[in-house]
C-alpha atoms as a PDB file:
ATOM      1  CA  UNK A   1      87.549  18.944 -53.085  1.00  0.00           C
ATOM      2  CA  UNK A   2      86.377  21.863 -50.959  1.00  0.00           C
ATOM      3  CA  UNK A   3      85.230  21.110 -47.424  1.00  0.00           C
ATOM      4  CA  UNK A   4      81.220  21.941 -48.377  1.00  0.00           C
ATOM      5  CA  UNK A   5      81.338  19.630 -51.150  1.00  0.00           C
ATOM      6  CA  UNK A   6      83.138  16.608 -49.465  1.00  0.00           C
ATOM      7  CA  UNK A   7      80.245  17.284 -46.465  1.00  0.00           C
ATOM      8  CA  UNK A   8      77.623  17.230 -49.153  1.00  0.00           C
ATOM      9  CA  UNK A   9      78.907  13.894 -51.165  1.00  0.00           C
ATOM     10  CA  UNK A  10      79.181  12.238 -47.701  1.00  0.00           C
ATOM     11  CA  UNK A  11      75.406  13.264 -46.579  1.00  0.00           C
ATOM     12  CA  UNK A  12      74.142  12.309 -49.792  1.00  0.00           C
ATOM     13  CA  UNK A  13      75.313   9.079 -49.587  1.00  0.00           C
ATOM     14  CA  UNK A  14      74.437   8.460 -46.018  1.00  0.00           C
ATOM     15  CA  UNK A  15      70.804  10.457 -46.311  1.00  0.00           C
ATOM     16  CA  UNK A  16      68.896   7.740 -44.821  1.00  0.00           C
ATOM     17  CA  UNK A  17      71.280   8.260 -41.576  1.00  0.00           C
ATOM     18  CA  UNK A  18      69.889  11.730 -40.814  1.00  0.00           C
ATOM     19  CA  UNK A  19      66.403  13.002 -40.038  1.00  0.00           C
ATOM     20  CA  UNK A  20      64.760  16.025 -39.268  1.00  0.00           C
ATOM     21  CA  UNK A  21      65.060  17.894 -35.453  1.00  0.00           C
ATOM     22  CA  UNK A  22      61.790  19.603 -36.110  1.00  0.00           C
ATOM     23  CA  UNK A  23      59.486  16.833 -37.347  1.00  0.00           C
ATOM     24  CA  UNK A  24      61.760  13.815 -36.863  1.00  0.00           C
ATOM     25  CA  UNK A  25      61.047  12.489 -40.616  1.00  0.00           C
ATOM     26  CA  UNK A  26      63.736  11.448 -42.619  1.00  0.00           C
ATOM     27  CA  UNK A  27      65.467  13.598 -45.445  1.00  0.00           C
ATOM     28  CA  UNK A  28      64.470  12.772 -48.895  1.00  0.00           C
ATOM     29  CA  UNK A  29      66.607  15.228 -51.223  1.00  0.00           C
ATOM     30  CA  UNK A  30      69.528  17.095 -51.022  1.00  0.00           C
ATOM     31  CA  UNK A  31      69.215  20.138 -53.629  1.00  0.00           C
ATOM     32  CA  UNK A  32      72.015  22.453 -53.862  1.00  0.00           C
ATOM     33  CA  UNK A  33      73.321  22.921 -50.203  1.00  0.00           C
ATOM     34  CA  UNK A  34      70.048  22.380 -49.033  1.00  0.00           C
ATOM     35  CA  UNK A  35      68.738  19.283 -47.319  1.00  0.00           C
ATOM     36  CA  UNK A  36      65.035  18.799 -47.312  1.00  0.00           C
ATOM     37  CA  UNK A  37      62.863  16.361 -45.370  1.00  0.00           C
ATOM     38  CA  UNK A  38      59.593  14.530 -45.788  1.00  0.00           C
ATOM     39  CA  UNK A  39      57.457  17.516 -44.206  1.00  0.00           C
ATOM     40  CA  UNK A  40      59.449  20.287 -46.249  1.00  0.00           C
ATOM     41  CA  UNK A  41      61.593  21.495 -43.543  1.00  0.00           C
ATOM     42  CA  UNK A  42      64.908  22.457 -44.871  1.00  0.00           C
ATOM     43  CA  UNK A  43      68.262  23.039 -43.298  1.00  0.00           C
ATOM     44  CA  UNK A  44      71.429  23.890 -45.351  1.00  0.00           C
ATOM     45  CA  UNK A  45      75.413  23.617 -45.205  1.00  0.00           C
ATOM     46  CA  UNK A  46      77.055  26.537 -44.352  1.00  0.00           C
ATOM     47  CA  UNK A  47      80.462  27.790 -45.584  1.00  0.00           C
ATOM     48  CA  UNK A  48      82.233  25.397 -43.131  1.00  0.00           C
ATOM     49  CA  UNK A  49      80.736  22.318 -44.506  1.00  0.00           C
ATOM     50  CA  UNK A  50      78.700  21.377 -41.544  1.00  0.00           C
ATOM     51  CA  UNK A  51      75.038  21.304 -40.493  1.00  0.00           C
ATOM     52  CA  UNK A  52      73.562  23.250 -37.588  1.00  0.00           C
ATOM     53  CA  UNK A  53      70.718  21.172 -36.460  1.00  0.00           C
ATOM     54  CA  UNK A  54      70.050  22.982 -32.823  1.00  0.00           C
ATOM     55  CA  UNK A  55      66.821  24.445 -32.775  1.00  0.00           C
ATOM     56  CA  UNK A  56      68.038  26.891 -30.405  1.00  0.00           C
ATOM     57  CA  UNK A  57      71.401  28.517 -29.772  1.00  0.00           C
ATOM     58  CA  UNK A  58      73.357  25.887 -27.889  1.00  0.00           C
ATOM     59  CA  UNK A  59      75.438  27.476 -25.218  1.00  0.00           C
ATOM     60  CA  UNK A  60      79.103  26.391 -23.938  1.00  0.00           C
ATOM     61  CA  UNK A  61      82.045  27.378 -22.096  1.00  0.00           C
ATOM     62  CA  UNK A  62      84.404  25.808 -24.539  1.00  0.00           C
ATOM     63  CA  UNK A  63      85.875  28.270 -26.978  1.00  0.00           C
ATOM     64  CA  UNK A  64      87.981  28.292 -30.143  1.00  0.00           C
ATOM     65  CA  UNK A  65      91.498  28.908 -27.789  1.00  0.00           C
ATOM     66  CA  UNK A  66      90.401  25.672 -25.526  1.00  0.00           C
ATOM     67  CA  UNK A  67      90.118  23.492 -28.209  1.00  0.00           C
ATOM     68  CA  UNK A  68      92.767  24.823 -29.931  1.00  0.00           C
ATOM     69  CA  UNK A  69      95.004  23.744 -26.949  1.00  0.00           C
ATOM     70  CA  UNK A  70      93.091  20.331 -26.638  1.00  0.00           C
ATOM     71  CA  UNK A  71      93.893  19.462 -30.172  1.00  0.00           C
ATOM     72  CA  UNK A  72      98.166  20.133 -29.549  1.00  0.00           C
ATOM     73  CA  UNK A  73      97.482  18.098 -26.631  1.00  0.00           C
ATOM     74  CA  UNK A  74      95.797  15.214 -28.472  1.00  0.00           C
ATOM     75  CA  UNK A  75      98.267  15.564 -31.439  1.00  0.00           C
ATOM     76  CA  UNK A  76     101.012  14.953 -29.271  1.00  0.00           C
ATOM     77  CA  UNK A  77      99.552  11.851 -27.862  1.00  0.00           C
ATOM     78  CA  UNK A  78      97.380  12.434 -24.608  1.00  0.00           C
ATOM     79  CA  UNK A  79      94.546  10.159 -25.627  1.00  0.00           C
ATOM     80  CA  UNK A  80      96.240   7.484 -28.353  1.00  0.00           C
ATOM     81  CA  UNK A  81      96.296   4.948 -25.965  1.00  0.00           C
ATOM     82  CA  UNK A  82      92.642   4.980 -25.090  1.00  0.00           C
ATOM     83  CA  UNK A  83      91.774   5.379 -28.646  1.00  0.00           C
ATOM     84  CA  UNK A  84      93.897   2.026 -29.703  1.00  0.00           C
ATOM     85  CA  UNK A  85      91.993   0.176 -26.639  1.00  0.00           C
ATOM     86  CA  UNK A  86      88.732   1.661 -28.162  1.00  0.00           C
ATOM     87  CA  UNK A  87      89.849   0.222 -32.086  1.00  0.00           C
ATOM     88  CA  UNK A  88      90.620  -2.920 -30.691  1.00  0.00           C
ATOM     89  CA  UNK A  89      87.576  -3.787 -29.358  1.00  0.00           C
ATOM     90  CA  UNK A  90      85.436  -2.788 -32.234  1.00  0.00           C
ATOM     91  CA  UNK A  91      84.669  -5.353 -35.256  1.00  0.00           C
ATOM     92  CA  UNK A  92      87.031  -5.658 -37.890  1.00  0.00           C
ATOM     93  CA  UNK A  93      83.990  -5.392 -40.290  1.00  0.00           C
ATOM     94  CA  UNK A  94      82.786  -1.992 -41.821  1.00  0.00           C
ATOM     95  CA  UNK A  95      81.262   0.231 -39.233  1.00  0.00           C
ATOM     96  CA  UNK A  96      79.013   3.324 -39.012  1.00  0.00           C
ATOM     97  CA  UNK A  97      80.367   5.292 -35.919  1.00  0.00           C
ATOM     98  CA  UNK A  98      78.914   8.238 -34.080  1.00  0.00           C
ATOM     99  CA  UNK A  99      81.394  10.624 -31.863  1.00  0.00           C
ATOM    100  CA  UNK A 100      79.372  12.125 -29.120  1.00  0.00           C
ATOM    101  CA  UNK A 101      80.875  15.650 -28.224  1.00  0.00           C
ATOM    102  CA  UNK A 102      83.325  15.259 -30.751  1.00  0.00           C
ATOM    103  CA  UNK A 103      84.725  18.805 -30.118  1.00  0.00           C
ATOM    104  CA  UNK A 104      87.789  19.610 -32.410  1.00  0.00           C
ATOM    105  CA  UNK A 105      87.665  16.257 -33.781  1.00  0.00           C
ATOM    106  CA  UNK A 106      91.264  14.932 -33.097  1.00  0.00           C
ATOM    107  CA  UNK A 107      89.972  11.611 -31.195  1.00  0.00           C
ATOM    108  CA  UNK A 108      87.716  10.653 -34.126  1.00  0.00           C
ATOM    109  CA  UNK A 109      90.517  11.711 -36.845  1.00  0.00           C
ATOM    110  CA  UNK A 110      92.678   9.055 -34.879  1.00  0.00           C
ATOM    111  CA  UNK A 111      90.441   6.274 -34.841  1.00  0.00           C
ATOM    112  CA  UNK A 112      90.049   6.372 -38.547  1.00  0.00           C
ATOM    113  CA  UNK A 113      93.647   6.638 -39.060  1.00  0.00           C
ATOM    114  CA  UNK A 114      93.499   3.263 -37.147  1.00  0.00           C
ATOM    115  CA  UNK A 115      90.983   1.723 -39.217  1.00  0.00           C
ATOM    116  CA  UNK A 116      89.833   1.219 -42.792  1.00  0.00           C
ATOM    117  CA  UNK A 117      88.484   3.673 -45.315  1.00  0.00           C
ATOM    118  CA  UNK A 118      84.708   2.023 -45.353  1.00  0.00           C
ATOM    119  CA  UNK A 119      83.556   3.214 -42.401  1.00  0.00           C
ATOM    120  CA  UNK A 120      81.558   6.094 -41.821  1.00  0.00           C
ATOM    121  CA  UNK A 121      82.160   8.629 -39.170  1.00  0.00           C
ATOM    122  CA  UNK A 122      79.667  11.147 -37.828  1.00  0.00           C
ATOM    123  CA  UNK A 123      80.664  13.703 -35.190  1.00  0.00           C
ATOM    124  CA  UNK A 124      78.672  16.244 -33.350  1.00  0.00           C
ATOM    125  CA  UNK A 125      79.186  18.564 -30.567  1.00  0.00           C
ATOM    126  CA  UNK A 126      76.959  21.646 -29.057  1.00  0.00           C
ATOM    127  CA  UNK A 127      80.033  24.027 -29.546  1.00  0.00           C
ATOM    128  CA  UNK A 128      80.193  25.715 -33.115  1.00  0.00           C
ATOM    129  CA  UNK A 129      84.021  26.476 -32.297  1.00  0.00           C
ATOM    130  CA  UNK A 130      84.755  22.976 -31.919  1.00  0.00           C
ATOM    131  CA  UNK A 131      82.802  21.573 -34.962  1.00  0.00           C
ATOM    132  CA  UNK A 132      84.509  24.389 -37.245  1.00  0.00           C
ATOM    133  CA  UNK A 133      87.983  23.458 -36.164  1.00  0.00           C
ATOM    134  CA  UNK A 134      86.894  19.760 -36.779  1.00  0.00           C
ATOM    135  CA  UNK A 135      86.143  20.365 -40.317  1.00  0.00           C
ATOM    136  CA  UNK A 136      89.378  21.474 -40.887  1.00  0.00           C
ATOM    137  CA  UNK A 137      91.075  18.152 -40.349  1.00  0.00           C
ATOM    138  CA  UNK A 138      90.316  16.977 -43.875  1.00  0.00           C
ATOM    139  CA  UNK A 139      89.148  13.244 -42.652  1.00  0.00           C
ATOM    140  CA  UNK A 140      86.624  11.392 -44.462  1.00  0.00           C
ATOM    141  CA  UNK A 141      83.939  12.483 -41.789  1.00  0.00           C
ATOM    142  CA  UNK A 142      80.682  14.564 -41.173  1.00  0.00           C
ATOM    143  CA  UNK A 143      80.650  16.925 -38.523  1.00  0.00           C
ATOM    144  CA  UNK A 144      77.476  18.830 -37.151  1.00  0.00           C
ATOM    145  CA  UNK A 145      76.132  20.756 -34.264  1.00  0.00           C
ATOM    146  CA  UNK A 146      73.391  18.956 -32.448  1.00  0.00           C
ATOM    147  CA  UNK A 147      71.801  18.623 -29.451  1.00  0.00           C
ATOM    148  CA  UNK A 148      72.417  15.258 -27.237  1.00  0.00           C
ATOM    149  CA  UNK A 149      68.743  15.021 -26.280  1.00  0.00           C
ATOM    150  CA  UNK A 150      67.461  15.305 -29.554  1.00  0.00           C
ATOM    151  CA  UNK A 151      69.757  13.642 -31.956  1.00  0.00           C
ATOM    152  CA  UNK A 152      69.356  14.518 -35.763  1.00  0.00           C
ATOM    153  CA  UNK A 153      69.705  10.389 -36.693  1.00  0.00           C
ATOM    154  CA  UNK A 154      67.302   7.775 -38.118  1.00  0.00           C
ATOM    155  CA  UNK A 155      66.394   4.933 -35.519  1.00  0.00           C
ATOM    156  CA  UNK A 156      68.947   2.269 -35.693  1.00  0.00           C
ATOM    157  CA  UNK A 157      71.411   3.968 -38.152  1.00  0.00           C
ATOM    158  CA  UNK A 158      74.789   3.435 -36.036  1.00  0.00           C
ATOM    159  CA  UNK A 159      76.902   0.275 -35.468  1.00  0.00           C
ATOM    160  CA  UNK A 160      78.853   2.048 -32.436  1.00  0.00           C
ATOM    161  CA  UNK A 161      77.939   5.048 -30.484  1.00  0.00           C
ATOM    162  CA  UNK A 162      81.122   6.554 -28.747  1.00  0.00           C
ATOM    163  CA  UNK A 163      81.415   9.140 -25.867  1.00  0.00           C
ATOM    164  CA  UNK A 164      84.741  10.213 -24.567  1.00  0.00           C
ATOM    165  CA  UNK A 165      84.395  12.534 -21.457  1.00  0.00           C
ATOM    166  CA  UNK A 166      81.078  13.803 -22.423  1.00  0.00           C
ATOM    167  CA  UNK A 167      77.254  13.463 -20.851  1.00  0.00           C
ATOM    168  CA  UNK A 168      75.361  10.864 -22.219  1.00  0.00           C
ATOM    169  CA  UNK A 169      71.490  10.465 -22.986  1.00  0.00           C
ATOM    170  CA  UNK A 170      71.120   6.648 -22.952  1.00  0.00           C
ATOM    171  CA  UNK A 171      67.409   6.975 -24.279  1.00  0.00           C
ATOM    172  CA  UNK A 172      68.646   8.525 -27.806  1.00  0.00           C
ATOM    173  CA  UNK A 173      71.990   6.287 -27.627  1.00  0.00           C
ATOM    174  CA  UNK A 174      69.752   3.076 -27.832  1.00  0.00           C
ATOM    175  CA  UNK A 175      67.235   4.711 -30.278  1.00  0.00           C
ATOM    176  CA  UNK A 176      70.418   5.249 -33.024  1.00  0.00           C
ATOM    177  CA  UNK A 177      71.834   2.008 -31.839  1.00  0.00           C
ATOM    178  CA  UNK A 178      71.480  -0.733 -34.417  1.00  0.00           C
ATOM    179  CA  UNK A 179      70.227  -4.067 -32.662  1.00  0.00           C
ATOM    180  CA  UNK A 180      73.449  -5.669 -31.032  1.00  0.00           C
ATOM    181  CA  UNK A 181      75.158  -2.224 -31.413  1.00  0.00           C
ATOM    182  CA  UNK A 182      78.040  -0.958 -29.222  1.00  0.00           C
ATOM    183  CA  UNK A 183      78.021   2.091 -26.685  1.00  0.00           C
ATOM    184  CA  UNK A 184      81.615   2.871 -25.692  1.00  0.00           C
ATOM    185  CA  UNK A 185      81.673   5.679 -23.133  1.00  0.00           C
ATOM    186  CA  UNK A 186      85.219   6.679 -21.406  1.00  0.00           C
ATOM    187  CA  UNK A 187      84.917   8.467 -18.092  1.00  0.00           C
ATOM    188  CA  UNK A 188      87.413   9.781 -15.651  1.00  0.00           C
ATOM    189  CA  UNK A 189      88.950   7.184 -12.701  1.00  0.00           C
ATOM    190  CA  UNK A 190      89.989   8.876  -9.397  1.00  0.00           C
ATOM    191  CA  UNK A 191      93.648   9.479 -10.537  1.00  0.00           C
ATOM    192  CA  UNK A 192      92.860  10.753 -13.706  1.00  0.00           C
ATOM    193  CA  UNK A 193      95.163  14.143 -14.464  1.00  0.00           C
ATOM    194  CA  UNK A 194      96.108  13.840 -10.854  1.00  0.00           C
ATOM    195  CA  UNK A 195      99.323  15.897 -10.999  1.00  0.00           C
ATOM    196  CA  UNK A 196      97.470  18.934 -12.740  1.00  0.00           C
ATOM    197  CA  UNK A 197      94.687  18.455  -9.873  1.00  0.00           C
ATOM    198  CA  UNK A 198      97.198  18.892  -6.999  1.00  0.00           C
ATOM    199  CA  UNK A 199      98.717  21.545  -8.994  1.00  0.00           C
ATOM    200  CA  UNK A 200      95.485  23.668  -9.455  1.00  0.00           C
ATOM    201  CA  UNK A 201      93.890  22.716  -6.011  1.00  0.00           C
ATOM    202  CA  UNK A 202      96.199  20.967  -3.743  1.00  0.00           C
ATOM    203  CA  UNK A 203      94.606  18.708  -1.437  1.00  0.00           C
ATOM    204  CA  UNK A 204      91.933  20.462  -0.016  1.00  0.00           C
ATOM    205  CA  UNK A 205      89.235  20.471  -2.924  1.00  0.00           C
ATOM    206  CA  UNK A 206      86.854  18.219  -4.171  1.00  0.00           C
ATOM    207  CA  UNK A 207      88.800  18.496  -7.182  1.00  0.00           C
ATOM    208  CA  UNK A 208      91.832  16.614  -5.596  1.00  0.00           C
ATOM    209  CA  UNK A 209      90.412  13.397  -6.691  1.00  0.00           C
ATOM    210  CA  UNK A 210      87.680  12.338  -9.339  1.00  0.00           C
ATOM    211  CA  UNK A 211      84.543  10.329  -8.154  1.00  0.00           C
ATOM    212  CA  UNK A 212      82.904   9.004 -11.156  1.00  0.00           C
ATOM    213  CA  UNK A 213      80.936   6.575  -8.903  1.00  0.00           C
ATOM    214  CA  UNK A 214      77.650   8.146  -9.870  1.00  0.00           C
ATOM    215  CA  UNK A 215      78.409   7.886 -13.759  1.00  0.00           C
ATOM    216  CA  UNK A 216      79.071   4.294 -13.331  1.00  0.00           C
ATOM    217  CA  UNK A 217      76.428   3.402 -10.957  1.00  0.00           C
ATOM    218  CA  UNK A 218      73.754   4.722 -13.788  1.00  0.00           C
ATOM    219  CA  UNK A 219      75.442   3.093 -16.409  1.00  0.00           C
ATOM    220  CA  UNK A 220      75.985  -0.183 -14.726  1.00  0.00           C
ATOM    221  CA  UNK A 221      71.939   0.011 -13.825  1.00  0.00           C
ATOM    222  CA  UNK A 222      71.349   0.077 -17.350  1.00  0.00           C
ATOM    223  CA  UNK A 223      73.749  -2.171 -18.753  1.00  0.00           C
ATOM    224  CA  UNK A 224      74.379  -4.789 -16.174  1.00  0.00           C
ATOM    225  CA  UNK A 225      76.026  -7.153 -18.610  1.00  0.00           C
ATOM    226  CA  UNK A 226      78.516  -4.155 -19.208  1.00  0.00           C
ATOM    227  CA  UNK A 227      82.325  -4.519 -19.222  1.00  0.00           C
ATOM    228  CA  UNK A 228      84.557  -2.096 -17.593  1.00  0.00           C
ATOM    229  CA  UNK A 229      88.037  -2.024 -19.021  1.00  0.00           C
ATOM    230  CA  UNK A 230      90.439   0.088 -16.887  1.00  0.00           C
ATOM    231  CA  UNK A 231      93.109   2.322 -18.896  1.00  0.00           C
ATOM    232  CA  UNK A 232      95.966   3.673 -17.118  1.00  0.00           C
ATOM    233  CA  UNK A 233      99.270   5.452 -18.384  1.00  0.00           C
ATOM    234  CA  UNK A 234     101.843   8.021 -17.866  1.00  0.00           C
ATOM    235  CA  UNK A 235     101.808  10.713 -20.434  1.00  0.00           C
ATOM    236  CA  UNK A 236     105.329  12.742 -20.694  1.00  0.00           C
ATOM    237  CA  UNK A 237     104.338  15.946 -21.186  1.00  0.00           C
ATOM    238  CA  UNK A 238     106.336  18.774 -23.513  1.00  0.00           C
ATOM    239  CA  UNK A 239     107.283  21.669 -21.487  1.00  0.00           C
ATOM    240  CA  UNK A 240     105.414  23.952 -24.382  1.00  0.00           C
ATOM    241  CA  UNK A 241     102.584  22.305 -23.755  1.00  0.00           C
ATOM    242  CA  UNK A 242     102.324  22.745 -20.292  1.00  0.00           C
ATOM    243  CA  UNK A 243      99.916  25.819 -20.735  1.00  0.00           C
ATOM    244  CA  UNK A 244      97.927  23.977 -22.803  1.00  0.00           C
ATOM    245  CA  UNK A 245      97.182  21.271 -20.594  1.00  0.00           C
ATOM    246  CA  UNK A 246      95.780  23.803 -17.907  1.00  0.00           C
ATOM    247  CA  UNK A 247      93.895  25.447 -20.659  1.00  0.00           C
ATOM    248  CA  UNK A 248      92.290  22.320 -21.980  1.00  0.00           C
ATOM    249  CA  UNK A 249      90.371  20.710 -18.920  1.00  0.00           C
ATOM    250  CA  UNK A 250      87.712  22.803 -17.145  1.00  0.00           C
ATOM    251  CA  UNK A 251      89.486  22.128 -14.114  1.00  0.00           C
ATOM    252  CA  UNK A 252      91.278  25.635 -14.555  1.00  0.00           C
ATOM    253  CA  UNK A 253      87.950  27.390 -14.029  1.00  0.00           C
ATOM    254  CA  UNK A 254      86.928  26.235 -10.570  1.00  0.00           C
ATOM    255  CA  UNK A 255      85.804  28.719  -7.766  1.00  0.00           C
ATOM    256  CA  UNK A 256      88.969  27.694  -5.747  1.00  0.00           C
ATOM    257  CA  UNK A 257      91.707  27.276  -8.634  1.00  0.00           C
ATOM    258  CA  UNK A 258      95.157  28.421  -7.752  1.00  0.00           C
ATOM    259  CA  UNK A 259      97.969  29.876 -10.030  1.00  0.00           C
ATOM    260  CA  UNK A 260     100.775  27.568  -9.995  1.00  0.00           C
ATOM    261  CA  UNK A 261     104.283  29.375  -9.742  1.00  0.00           C
ATOM    262  CA  UNK A 262     106.771  29.144 -12.929  1.00  0.00           C
ATOM    263  CA  UNK A 263     108.959  26.462 -10.636  1.00  0.00           C
ATOM    264  CA  UNK A 264     106.051  24.514 -10.520  1.00  0.00           C
ATOM    265  CA  UNK A 265     105.151  24.586 -14.104  1.00  0.00           C
ATOM    266  CA  UNK A 266     108.770  23.490 -14.765  1.00  0.00           C
ATOM    267  CA  UNK A 267     108.163  20.703 -12.780  1.00  0.00           C
ATOM    268  CA  UNK A 268     104.995  19.451 -14.483  1.00  0.00           C
ATOM    269  CA  UNK A 269     106.708  16.818 -16.802  1.00  0.00           C
ATOM    270  CA  UNK A 270     104.373  13.722 -16.458  1.00  0.00           C
ATOM    271  CA  UNK A 271     100.499  13.395 -16.608  1.00  0.00           C
ATOM    272  CA  UNK A 272      98.638  10.457 -15.522  1.00  0.00           C
ATOM    273  CA  UNK A 273      95.944   9.337 -17.535  1.00  0.00           C
ATOM    274  CA  UNK A 274      93.503   7.271 -15.261  1.00  0.00           C
ATOM    275  CA  UNK A 275      90.055   6.196 -17.126  1.00  0.00           C
ATOM    276  CA  UNK A 276      87.681   3.584 -17.280  1.00  0.00           C
ATOM    277  CA  UNK A 277      86.217   2.255 -20.744  1.00  0.00           C
ATOM    278  CA  UNK A 278      82.712   1.571 -20.228  1.00  0.00           C
ATOM    279  CA  UNK A 279      81.541  -1.241 -22.994  1.00  0.00           C
ATOM    280  CA  UNK A 280      77.729  -2.397 -23.317  1.00  0.00           C
ATOM    281  CA  UNK A 281      75.275  -3.750 -26.464  1.00  0.00           C
ATOM    282  CA  UNK A 282      72.301  -2.208 -27.123  1.00  0.00           C
ATOM    283  CA  UNK A 283      69.521  -2.555 -24.733  1.00  0.00           C
ATOM    284  CA  UNK A 284      66.194  -2.873 -26.481  1.00  0.00           C
ATOM    285  CA  UNK A 285      63.960  -1.167 -23.822  1.00  0.00           C
ATOM    286  CA  UNK A 286      64.084   2.792 -23.609  1.00  0.00           C
ATOM    287  CA  UNK A 287      66.220   4.423 -20.720  1.00  0.00           C
ATOM    288  CA  UNK A 288      64.893   7.770 -19.488  1.00  0.00           C
ATOM    289  CA  UNK A 289      67.985   8.390 -17.231  1.00  0.00           C
ATOM    290  CA  UNK A 290      70.958  10.392 -18.707  1.00  0.00           C
ATOM    291  CA  UNK A 291      73.876  11.771 -17.145  1.00  0.00           C
END
């Protein structure tokens, strides 16, 4: 089955999950390659098999080369312990799962590989380059380009919202989550990718340690009963992926970034992954703040 056919079949069978980004009404039909909403607005599947829900042109510094580097690292297992922990905290029943800022889709694919075929997965990102790569994974998931602040999904349409290292909009997350649904957010801790930070910045820059206090404070403010699960491990970095490790993170774009020597790169053999998995149930009241 072609990518576009697979995507159309998924959307057709979950039509009530989506809503028009223009009028916020539901979609009522899929005619050929075109979705039609209650007000008559239309959107077409492109040849890659995804929908572009942005009303304006999205801008991002993440390009295809960066996403390819990220994919090689993730396929080598960089985030697998995180995905396994996420899966261990999800209900064993069938879930509808939204992956926020899915990028090139590998974490969602790894989660799907741990679960059963009855789950429905949706991944979105502002980057067309990332979503185009995600559609090449061949997993039973639907990918789209969309705006975090104006999600093209119906109210109470997801059991779980998953967000790894991306911005959040808690008002929108609460809107699309079902009653009692889970929000699972992964944020870096102080020693996240510590060896890379030291290599690129030494000890005299703000990048030397990551400060997650503002993100954590806001999350706890709105989800006071949430759980914070620490996840920390060492990832053995293959030599052939050292360059990808540098390219996959925005840290390499910093103003004060330094160029590592060949010897320094050769000695980069292990990376610290130090994160917190924040888990909260849906809050009924709307939340205006986001970060």
